[in-house]
C-alpha atoms as a PDB file:
ATOM      1  CA  UNK A   1      80.146  42.441  20.281  1.00  0.00           C
ATOM      2  CA  UNK A   2      83.872  42.361  21.023  1.00  0.00           C
ATOM      3  CA  UNK A   3      84.379  45.936  19.787  1.00  0.00           C
ATOM      4  CA  UNK A   4      81.785  47.117  22.266  1.00  0.00           C
ATOM      5  CA  UNK A   5      83.987  46.037  25.191  1.00  0.00           C
ATOM      6  CA  UNK A   6      87.179  47.414  23.647  1.00  0.00           C
ATOM      7  CA  UNK A   7      85.702  50.897  23.920  1.00  0.00           C
ATOM      8  CA  UNK A   8      83.580  50.222  27.003  1.00  0.00           C
ATOM      9  CA  UNK A   9      83.236  53.040  29.506  1.00  0.00           C
ATOM     10  CA  UNK A  10      82.254  51.759  32.942  1.00  0.00           C
ATOM     11  CA  UNK A  11      79.176  53.173  34.633  1.00  0.00           C
ATOM     12  CA  UNK A  12      79.785  52.477  38.318  1.00  0.00           C
ATOM     13  CA  UNK A  13      77.112  51.908  40.945  1.00  0.00           C
ATOM     14  CA  UNK A  14      77.161  53.525  44.349  1.00  0.00           C
ATOM     15  CA  UNK A  15      79.385  51.775  46.909  1.00  0.00           C
ATOM     16  CA  UNK A  16      77.660  48.927  48.706  1.00  0.00           C
ATOM     17  CA  UNK A  17      78.773  46.394  51.286  1.00  0.00           C
ATOM     18  CA  UNK A  18      79.774  42.905  50.155  1.00  0.00           C
ATOM     19  CA  UNK A  19      77.549  40.211  51.626  1.00  0.00           C
ATOM     20  CA  UNK A  20      79.342  38.197  54.289  1.00  0.00           C
ATOM     21  CA  UNK A  21      82.192  40.689  54.610  1.00  0.00           C
ATOM     22  CA  UNK A  22      82.298  43.328  57.318  1.00  0.00           C
ATOM     23  CA  UNK A  23      83.719  46.672  56.257  1.00  0.00           C
ATOM     24  CA  UNK A  24      84.350  45.698  52.615  1.00  0.00           C
ATOM     25  CA  UNK A  25      82.651  47.829  49.985  1.00  0.00           C
ATOM     26  CA  UNK A  26      82.643  47.532  46.196  1.00  0.00           C
ATOM     27  CA  UNK A  27      81.275  49.382  43.193  1.00  0.00           C
ATOM     28  CA  UNK A  28      79.856  47.367  40.305  1.00  0.00           C
ATOM     29  CA  UNK A  29      79.632  48.370  36.641  1.00  0.00           C
ATOM     30  CA  UNK A  30      76.014  48.432  35.489  1.00  0.00           C
ATOM     31  CA  UNK A  31      76.913  47.222  31.968  1.00  0.00           C
ATOM     32  CA  UNK A  32      79.526  44.487  32.317  1.00  0.00           C
ATOM     33  CA  UNK A  33      79.380  43.578  36.037  1.00  0.00           C
ATOM     34  CA  UNK A  34      83.031  44.371  36.758  1.00  0.00           C
ATOM     35  CA  UNK A  35      83.798  45.207  40.391  1.00  0.00           C
ATOM     36  CA  UNK A  36      86.250  47.562  42.001  1.00  0.00           C
ATOM     37  CA  UNK A  37      87.045  47.834  45.686  1.00  0.00           C
ATOM     38  CA  UNK A  38      86.236  51.032  47.542  1.00  0.00           C
ATOM     39  CA  UNK A  39      88.707  52.408  50.061  1.00  0.00           C
ATOM     40  CA  UNK A  40      87.759  55.188  52.441  1.00  0.00           C
ATOM     41  CA  UNK A  41      89.663  57.125  55.045  1.00  0.00           C
ATOM     42  CA  UNK A  42      87.538  58.963  57.530  1.00  0.00           C
ATOM     43  CA  UNK A  43      89.117  61.861  59.326  1.00  0.00           C
ATOM     44  CA  UNK A  44      87.592  63.995  62.034  1.00  0.00           C
ATOM     45  CA  UNK A  45      87.164  67.657  61.205  1.00  0.00           C
ATOM     46  CA  UNK A  46      89.338  70.178  63.013  1.00  0.00           C
ATOM     47  CA  UNK A  47      86.294  71.400  64.977  1.00  0.00           C
ATOM     48  CA  UNK A  48      85.691  67.930  66.386  1.00  0.00           C
ATOM     49  CA  UNK A  49      89.367  67.510  67.251  1.00  0.00           C
ATOM     50  CA  UNK A  50      89.316  70.867  69.079  1.00  0.00           C
ATOM     51  CA  UNK A  51      86.235  69.837  71.063  1.00  0.00           C
ATOM     52  CA  UNK A  52      87.911  66.568  72.026  1.00  0.00           C
ATOM     53  CA  UNK A  53      90.963  68.486  73.283  1.00  0.00           C
ATOM     54  CA  UNK A  54      88.720  70.817  75.301  1.00  0.00           C
ATOM     55  CA  UNK A  55      86.807  67.901  76.801  1.00  0.00           C
ATOM     56  CA  UNK A  56      90.048  66.171  77.806  1.00  0.00           C
ATOM     57  CA  UNK A  57      91.316  69.365  79.416  1.00  0.00           C
ATOM     58  CA  UNK A  58      88.052  69.697  81.390  1.00  0.00           C
ATOM     59  CA  UNK A  59      88.323  66.085  82.519  1.00  0.00           C
ATOM     60  CA  UNK A  60      91.883  66.665  83.728  1.00  0.00           C
ATOM     61  CA  UNK A  61      90.702  69.696  85.733  1.00  0.00           C
ATOM     62  CA  UNK A  62      87.848  67.699  87.264  1.00  0.00           C
ATOM     63  CA  UNK A  63      90.163  64.823  88.163  1.00  0.00           C
ATOM     64  CA  UNK A  64      92.588  67.197  89.910  1.00  0.00           C
ATOM     65  CA  UNK A  65      89.801  68.783  91.969  1.00  0.00           C
ATOM     66  CA  UNK A  66      88.416  65.435  93.194  1.00  0.00           C
END
């Protein structure tokens, strides 16, 4: 039994939220139950950033006209 865990290869689950914790996600090994924290950085695509810049420019124009 001990040799099994010496050569154990983790099979991780999909990320899921920890109960009682907001914004904390973990992945759990199907075989041994080990957990590892999931960190994510979300970045807006360049298209979205360009649209935001355009919208801000339009708002500035509208504010100057009023």
